[in-house]
Protein backbone atom coordinates (compact mmCIF):
# COMPACT_ATOMS: atom_id res chain seq x y z
CA UNK A 1 51.83 60.78 56.52
CA UNK A 2 48.86 58.18 56.85
CA UNK A 3 46.69 57.44 53.94
CA UNK A 4 43.10 57.14 54.83
CA UNK A 5 41.72 53.62 54.09
CA UNK A 6 38.72 53.33 51.71
CA UNK A 7 36.27 50.82 52.00
CA UNK A 8 34.56 49.92 48.70
CA UNK A 9 31.26 50.88 48.43
CA UNK A 10 28.82 48.29 46.71
CA UNK A 11 26.82 50.11 43.91
CA UNK A 12 22.83 50.55 44.41
CA UNK A 13 20.93 47.90 42.97
CA UNK A 14 18.99 48.66 39.99
CA UNK A 15 15.57 49.46 40.56
CA UNK A 16 13.28 46.29 39.85
CA UNK A 17 11.09 46.62 36.91
CA UNK A 18 8.43 44.26 38.64
CA UNK A 19 8.01 41.07 40.63
CA UNK A 20 10.05 38.20 38.81
CA UNK A 21 7.46 35.72 37.23
CA UNK A 22 8.77 32.02 37.33
CA UNK A 23 8.49 30.37 33.71
CA UNK A 24 5.52 28.54 33.26
CA UNK A 25 5.88 25.03 32.11
CA UNK A 26 2.95 23.56 30.10
CA UNK A 27 2.37 19.91 30.40
CA UNK A 28 3.49 17.96 27.11
CA UNK A 29 0.79 16.41 25.16
CA UNK A 30 1.51 12.89 24.90
CA UNK A 31 -0.72 10.70 22.90
CA UNK A 32 -1.87 7.60 24.19
CA UNK A 33 -1.66 4.66 21.52
CA UNK A 34 -3.81 1.57 22.29
CA UNK A 35 -2.21 -1.74 21.05
CA UNK A 36 -3.64 -4.94 20.47
CA UNK A 37 -3.54 -7.57 23.14
CA UNK A 38 -5.06 -11.00 23.43
CA UNK A 39 -8.43 -11.34 24.81
CA UNK A 40 -8.72 -14.16 27.43
CA UNK A 41 -10.84 -16.93 25.96
CA UNK A 42 -11.35 -20.64 26.10
CA UNK A 43 -12.91 -22.95 23.36
CA UNK A 44 -16.51 -22.82 23.21
CA UNK A 45 -17.39 -26.61 23.58
CA UNK A 46 -15.37 -26.53 26.79
CA UNK A 47 -17.27 -23.64 27.95
CA UNK A 48 -20.41 -25.20 26.94
CA UNK A 49 -19.59 -28.29 28.92
CA UNK A 50 -18.92 -26.20 32.07
CA UNK A 51 -22.28 -24.43 31.75
CA UNK A 52 -24.08 -27.80 31.51
CA UNK A 53 -22.59 -29.07 34.35
CA UNK A 54 -23.48 -25.66 36.34
CA UNK A 55 -26.83 -25.98 35.19
CA UNK A 56 -27.19 -29.76 35.94
CA UNK A 57 -25.75 -29.08 39.61
CA UNK A 58 -28.19 -26.11 40.13
CA UNK A 59 -31.25 -28.29 39.08
CA UNK A 60 -29.86 -31.09 41.39
CA UNK A 61 -29.44 -28.53 44.39
CA UNK A 62 -33.08 -27.21 43.83
CA UNK A 63 -34.45 -30.86 43.59
CA UNK A 64 -32.35 -31.99 46.70
CA UNK A 65 -33.67 -29.04 48.81
CA UNK A 66 -37.29 -29.79 48.01
CA UNK A 67 -36.82 -33.46 48.41
CA UNK A 68 -35.30 -32.89 51.71
CA UNK A 69 -38.40 -30.88 53.06
CA UNK A 70 -40.78 -33.49 51.74
CA UNK A 71 -39.09 -36.24 53.82
CA UNK A 72 -38.24 -34.48 57.06
CA UNK A 73 -40.86 -31.56 56.84
CA UNK A 74 -38.25 -28.94 56.59
CA UNK A 75 -37.17 -27.54 53.15
CA UNK A 76 -33.49 -27.11 52.52
CA UNK A 77 -33.26 -23.36 51.89
CA UNK A 78 -29.71 -23.01 51.25
CA UNK A 79 -29.56 -25.73 48.62
CA UNK A 80 -32.52 -24.13 46.70
CA UNK A 81 -30.87 -20.53 47.00
CA UNK A 82 -27.48 -22.09 45.68
CA UNK A 83 -29.45 -23.97 42.79
CA UNK A 84 -31.22 -20.91 41.80
CA UNK A 85 -27.99 -18.72 41.92
CA UNK A 86 -26.08 -21.20 39.46
CA UNK A 87 -28.90 -21.33 37.14
CA UNK A 88 -28.96 -17.43 37.03
CA UNK A 89 -25.18 -17.58 36.51
CA UNK A 90 -25.45 -19.90 33.80
CA UNK A 91 -28.12 -18.01 32.16
CA UNK A 92 -26.13 -14.71 32.23
CA UNK A 93 -22.78 -16.45 31.02
CA UNK A 94 -24.72 -17.11 27.66
CA UNK A 95 -23.63 -13.56 26.39
CA UNK A 96 -19.73 -14.98 27.03
CA UNK A 97 -20.23 -17.09 23.79
CA UNK A 98 -18.99 -15.73 20.28
CA UNK A 99 -18.30 -17.07 16.90
CA UNK A 100 -15.13 -16.10 15.05
CA UNK A 101 -14.99 -16.84 11.35
CA UNK A 102 -11.72 -17.49 9.50
CA UNK A 103 -10.18 -14.20 8.50
CA UNK A 104 -12.15 -12.23 11.15
CA UNK A 105 -11.33 -11.15 14.62
CA UNK A 106 -13.46 -9.90 17.36
CA UNK A 107 -12.67 -6.72 19.47
CA UNK A 108 -14.09 -6.67 23.00
CA UNK A 109 -15.09 -4.02 25.17
CA UNK A 110 -16.44 -4.07 28.65
CA UNK A 111 -17.92 -1.13 30.04
CA UNK A 112 -16.13 1.07 27.44
CA UNK A 113 -12.70 -0.45 28.40
CA UNK A 114 -10.78 -2.39 25.88
CA UNK A 115 -10.38 -5.83 26.99
CA UNK A 116 -8.49 -7.62 24.00
CA UNK A 117 -9.01 -9.14 20.68
CA UNK A 118 -9.88 -12.69 19.89
CA UNK A 119 -7.99 -14.06 16.92
CA UNK A 120 -8.68 -17.99 17.31
CA UNK A 121 -11.32 -19.10 15.02
CA UNK A 122 -14.33 -21.11 15.99
CA UNK A 123 -16.81 -20.91 18.96
CA UNK A 124 -15.06 -19.12 21.85
CA UNK A 125 -15.97 -18.29 25.43
CA UNK A 126 -14.89 -15.05 27.09
CA UNK A 127 -16.23 -12.35 29.71
CA UNK A 128 -19.85 -12.19 29.62
CA UNK A 129 -21.36 -8.69 29.04
CA UNK A 130 -18.93 -7.43 26.54
CA UNK A 131 -19.41 -5.75 23.21
CA UNK A 132 -17.84 -7.59 20.52
CA UNK A 133 -16.71 -5.84 17.16
CA UNK A 134 -15.75 -7.81 14.12
CA UNK A 135 -12.80 -6.53 12.27
CA UNK A 136 -11.55 -8.40 9.27
CA UNK A 137 -7.87 -9.14 8.91
CA UNK A 138 -8.08 -10.38 5.27
CA UNK A 139 -6.06 -8.88 2.63
CA UNK A 140 -7.86 -6.03 0.98
CA UNK A 141 -7.32 -3.82 -2.09
CA UNK A 142 -9.01 -0.76 -3.85
CA UNK A 143 -8.26 1.54 -6.87
CA UNK A 144 -8.24 5.07 -6.10
CA UNK A 145 -10.11 7.43 -8.16
CA UNK A 146 -8.45 9.28 -10.94
CA UNK A 147 -7.21 12.55 -9.71
CA UNK A 148 -5.98 15.19 -11.73
CA UNK A 149 -2.64 16.98 -10.39
CA UNK A 150 0.38 19.02 -11.67
CA UNK A 151 3.52 17.03 -11.88
CA UNK A 152 6.87 18.88 -11.03
CA UNK A 153 7.15 20.58 -14.14
CA UNK A 154 3.64 22.01 -13.92
CA UNK A 155 2.04 19.88 -16.45
CA UNK A 156 -1.52 18.60 -15.51
CA UNK A 157 -1.60 14.86 -15.45
CA UNK A 158 -4.27 12.32 -14.56
CA UNK A 159 -3.15 9.46 -12.34
CA UNK A 160 -4.73 6.54 -10.48
CA UNK A 161 -3.01 3.62 -8.22
CA UNK A 162 -4.22 0.29 -6.65
CA UNK A 163 -3.55 -0.08 -3.05
CA UNK A 164 -3.16 -3.52 -1.36
CA UNK A 165 -3.58 -3.39 2.43
CA UNK A 166 -4.37 -5.51 5.34
CA UNK A 167 -5.27 -4.72 9.27
CA UNK A 168 -2.42 -5.63 11.59
CA UNK A 169 -3.49 -3.85 14.78
CA UNK A 170 -7.07 -4.43 15.42
CA UNK A 171 -7.15 -2.17 18.53
CA UNK A 172 -5.52 0.95 16.46
CA UNK A 173 -7.94 0.52 13.46
CA UNK A 174 -10.97 0.56 15.82
CA UNK A 175 -10.11 3.08 18.65
CA UNK A 176 -7.60 5.25 17.05
CA UNK A 177 -9.34 6.46 13.89
CA UNK A 178 -12.88 6.85 12.81
CA UNK A 179 -13.83 4.31 9.99
CA UNK A 180 -10.54 3.03 9.23
CA UNK A 181 -11.36 1.98 5.60
CA UNK A 182 -12.33 5.53 4.76
CA UNK A 183 -9.30 6.63 6.39
CA UNK A 184 -7.02 4.47 4.17
CA UNK A 185 -8.67 5.61 0.95
CA UNK A 186 -8.28 9.31 1.76
CA UNK A 187 -4.87 9.11 2.84
CA UNK A 188 -3.87 6.98 0.01
CA UNK A 189 -5.11 9.58 -2.45
CA UNK A 190 -3.15 12.22 -0.44
CA UNK A 191 -0.11 10.22 -0.83
CA UNK A 192 -0.64 9.64 -4.36
CA UNK A 193 -1.09 13.30 -4.99
CA UNK A 194 1.79 14.12 -3.29
CA UNK A 195 4.01 11.62 -5.03
CA UNK A 196 2.67 12.88 -8.37
CA UNK A 197 3.96 16.54 -7.54
CA UNK A 198 7.37 15.54 -6.95
CA UNK A 199 8.17 13.72 -10.30
CA UNK A 200 7.87 14.77 -13.71
CA UNK A 201 5.58 12.89 -16.22
CA UNK A 202 8.63 12.32 -18.31
CA UNK A 203 11.35 14.32 -19.98
CA UNK A 204 13.21 14.64 -16.54
CA UNK A 205 16.83 15.70 -16.08
CA UNK A 206 19.57 13.22 -16.14
CA UNK A 207 19.15 10.48 -13.23
CA UNK A 208 15.79 11.98 -12.34
CA UNK A 209 12.78 9.29 -11.70
CA UNK A 210 9.82 10.06 -14.06
CA UNK A 211 6.27 8.73 -13.45
CA UNK A 212 6.12 6.96 -16.86
CA UNK A 213 9.69 5.77 -16.99
CA UNK A 214 10.38 4.78 -13.42
CA UNK A 215 7.22 2.97 -12.17
CA UNK A 216 8.78 0.67 -9.85
CA UNK A 217 10.56 3.37 -8.02
CA UNK A 218 7.44 5.48 -7.96
CA UNK A 219 5.44 2.61 -6.68
CA UNK A 220 7.83 1.96 -3.84
CA UNK A 221 7.99 5.69 -2.80
CA UNK A 222 4.11 5.64 -2.97
CA UNK A 223 3.97 2.39 -0.75
CA UNK A 224 6.43 4.11 1.79
CA UNK A 225 4.36 7.49 1.69
CA UNK A 226 0.96 5.48 2.22
CA UNK A 227 2.55 3.41 5.13
CA UNK A 228 3.57 6.54 7.05
CA UNK A 229 0.20 8.10 6.99
CA UNK A 230 -1.78 5.05 7.66
CA UNK A 231 0.39 3.49 10.37
CA UNK A 232 -1.66 5.24 13.31
CA UNK A 233 -4.77 3.12 12.03
CA UNK A 234 -2.76 -0.17 12.46
CA UNK A 235 -2.75 -0.66 8.73
CA UNK A 236 0.17 -2.43 6.94
CA UNK A 237 0.67 -1.67 3.02
CA UNK A 238 1.56 -4.69 1.26
CA UNK A 239 1.79 -3.35 -2.27
CA UNK A 240 0.97 -0.28 -4.50
CA UNK A 241 0.88 -0.01 -8.37
CA UNK A 242 0.12 2.91 -10.56
CA UNK A 243 -2.96 1.65 -12.44
CA UNK A 244 -3.70 4.76 -14.76
CA UNK A 245 -1.35 7.44 -15.91
CA UNK A 246 -1.86 9.98 -18.76
CA UNK A 247 -1.86 13.78 -19.57
CA UNK A 248 -4.98 15.82 -18.74
CA UNK A 249 -7.19 16.24 -21.87
CA UNK A 250 -6.36 19.96 -22.11
CA UNK A 251 -2.99 19.42 -23.15
CA UNK A 252 -2.90 15.73 -24.42
CA UNK A 253 -2.88 16.79 -27.97
CA UNK A 254 -0.15 19.11 -27.49
CA UNK A 255 2.15 16.46 -25.54
CA UNK A 256 1.33 14.12 -28.14
CA UNK A 257 2.48 16.20 -30.98
CA UNK A 258 5.90 16.72 -28.98
CA UNK A 259 6.18 12.97 -28.41
CA UNK A 260 5.70 12.28 -32.09
CA UNK A 261 8.29 15.03 -32.99
CA UNK A 262 10.85 13.24 -30.48
CA UNK A 263 10.19 9.79 -32.06
CA UNK A 264 10.64 11.42 -35.41
CA UNK A 265 14.00 12.96 -34.26
CA UNK A 266 15.26 9.77 -32.79
CA UNK A 267 14.44 7.84 -36.09
CA UNK A 268 16.25 10.56 -38.07
CA UNK A 269 19.49 10.20 -35.80
CA UNK A 270 19.41 6.52 -36.20
CA UNK A 271 18.98 6.95 -39.99
CA UNK A 272 21.77 9.38 -40.38
CA UNK A 273 24.08 7.24 -38.22
CA UNK A 274 23.32 4.22 -40.36
CA UNK A 275 23.86 6.21 -43.66
CA UNK A 276 27.06 7.65 -42.55
CA UNK A 277 28.32 3.98 -41.60
CA UNK A 278 27.27 2.91 -45.01
CA UNK A 279 29.05 5.91 -46.92
CA UNK A 280 32.14 5.03 -44.80
CA UNK A 281 32.10 1.43 -45.61
CA UNK A 282 31.51 2.39 -49.38
CA UNK A 283 34.47 4.59 -49.73
CA UNK A 284 36.98 2.37 -47.56
CA UNK A 285 36.16 -0.48 -50.12
CA UNK A 286 36.66 1.48 -53.00
CA UNK A 287 39.90 2.93 -52.02
CA UNK A 288 41.09 -0.48 -50.41
CA UNK A 289 40.27 -2.45 -53.79
CA UNK A 290 41.48 0.10 -56.19
CA UNK A 291 38.28 0.22 -57.97
CA UNK A 292 38.26 3.80 -58.90
CA UNK A 293 40.59 6.85 -58.39
CA UNK A 294 38.82 9.72 -56.98
CA UNK A 295 39.94 13.40 -55.95
CA UNK A 296 38.37 14.82 -53.03
CA UNK A 297 35.64 16.76 -55.09
CA UNK A 298 34.39 13.64 -56.56
CA UNK A 299 34.39 11.89 -53.02
CA UNK A 300 32.52 14.78 -51.71
CA UNK A 301 29.91 14.43 -54.53
CA UNK A 302 29.62 10.73 -54.13
CA UNK A 303 29.13 11.19 -50.28
CA UNK A 304 26.41 13.92 -50.87
CA UNK A 305 24.58 11.56 -53.44
CA UNK A 306 24.68 8.47 -50.92
CA UNK A 307 23.37 10.66 -48.09
CA UNK A 308 20.43 11.99 -50.08
CA UNK A 309 19.59 8.27 -51.37
CA UNK A 310 19.71 6.88 -47.89
CA UNK A 311 18.32 9.66 -45.79
CA UNK A 312 15.41 10.62 -48.17
CA UNK A 313 11.86 9.75 -47.31
CA UNK A 314 10.74 9.32 -50.84
CA UNK A 315 12.18 6.71 -53.26
CA UNK A 316 15.29 8.18 -55.35
CA UNK A 317 15.10 8.68 -59.05
CA UNK A 318 18.78 8.08 -60.21
CA UNK A 319 19.89 9.91 -63.11
CA UNK A 320 22.32 7.64 -65.77
CA UNK A 321 25.25 9.55 -67.21
CA UNK A 322 26.03 7.69 -70.48
CA UNK A 323 28.94 9.85 -71.33
CA UNK A 324 27.14 11.22 -74.52
């Protein structure tokens, strides 16, 4: 009996829902950052001597061309043309000179392209027809305006800071942001506002930095925060300090009462601690020197009287027992 062979039949393909669309790849947005580079330049005195030599040679060429024509009857046209070209070149190269003051730089642009930055001071000669923008690299500082913000506990506080900064990359300061000085001020205030919201004014938890108690740590965090925000402008933050810090006027009186109450409690605790130490010392001395034999009731009365005398705000008025 033969068993019929069976051939596996492939299942019908599932009906296509539609044409397969390949995934679309979007180009990544890469931000071009312009970094500072050194602009080609030579000392201005050397350039001035070169220009004077070109002018002198041009004048001599023109004079020699005219003089040759007077002697031979034929003017040396080539010499005259060369002389005129040299004089025109010398005249055009006058725009290549610039003066750089100490603490200043010159950012050069030629036909809209960044050429470089001149940091060497004095008279310098560079490319002609360049736009020269002066950028200061001196250390500068400013104080932010007093801003009102809620701390981490929700209490409104008024805070201000002093920011010391300096331009490090002149190309980024000029081309990356618009008005880098205003940019630094606005970002500094934003960073100060953020730092104030993540710290309590005072009375923080154990190990928690407060605005009033950990000023050095808060200043370091503020410097790091501002540095990250203004790095795109080529600015370096040298130092930050909290210049003004207080509660907002609407809660200042209530917070002052709380601080006064805390000070009173701390003083009371210190007084009680000292009074207990003095009473303990007195009882120990009386017992050790065998001055008076007292039972527990008399000891308790003596402790109570001494504590009243030592912890009282007003002057104690003792009552003398004469035994009568």
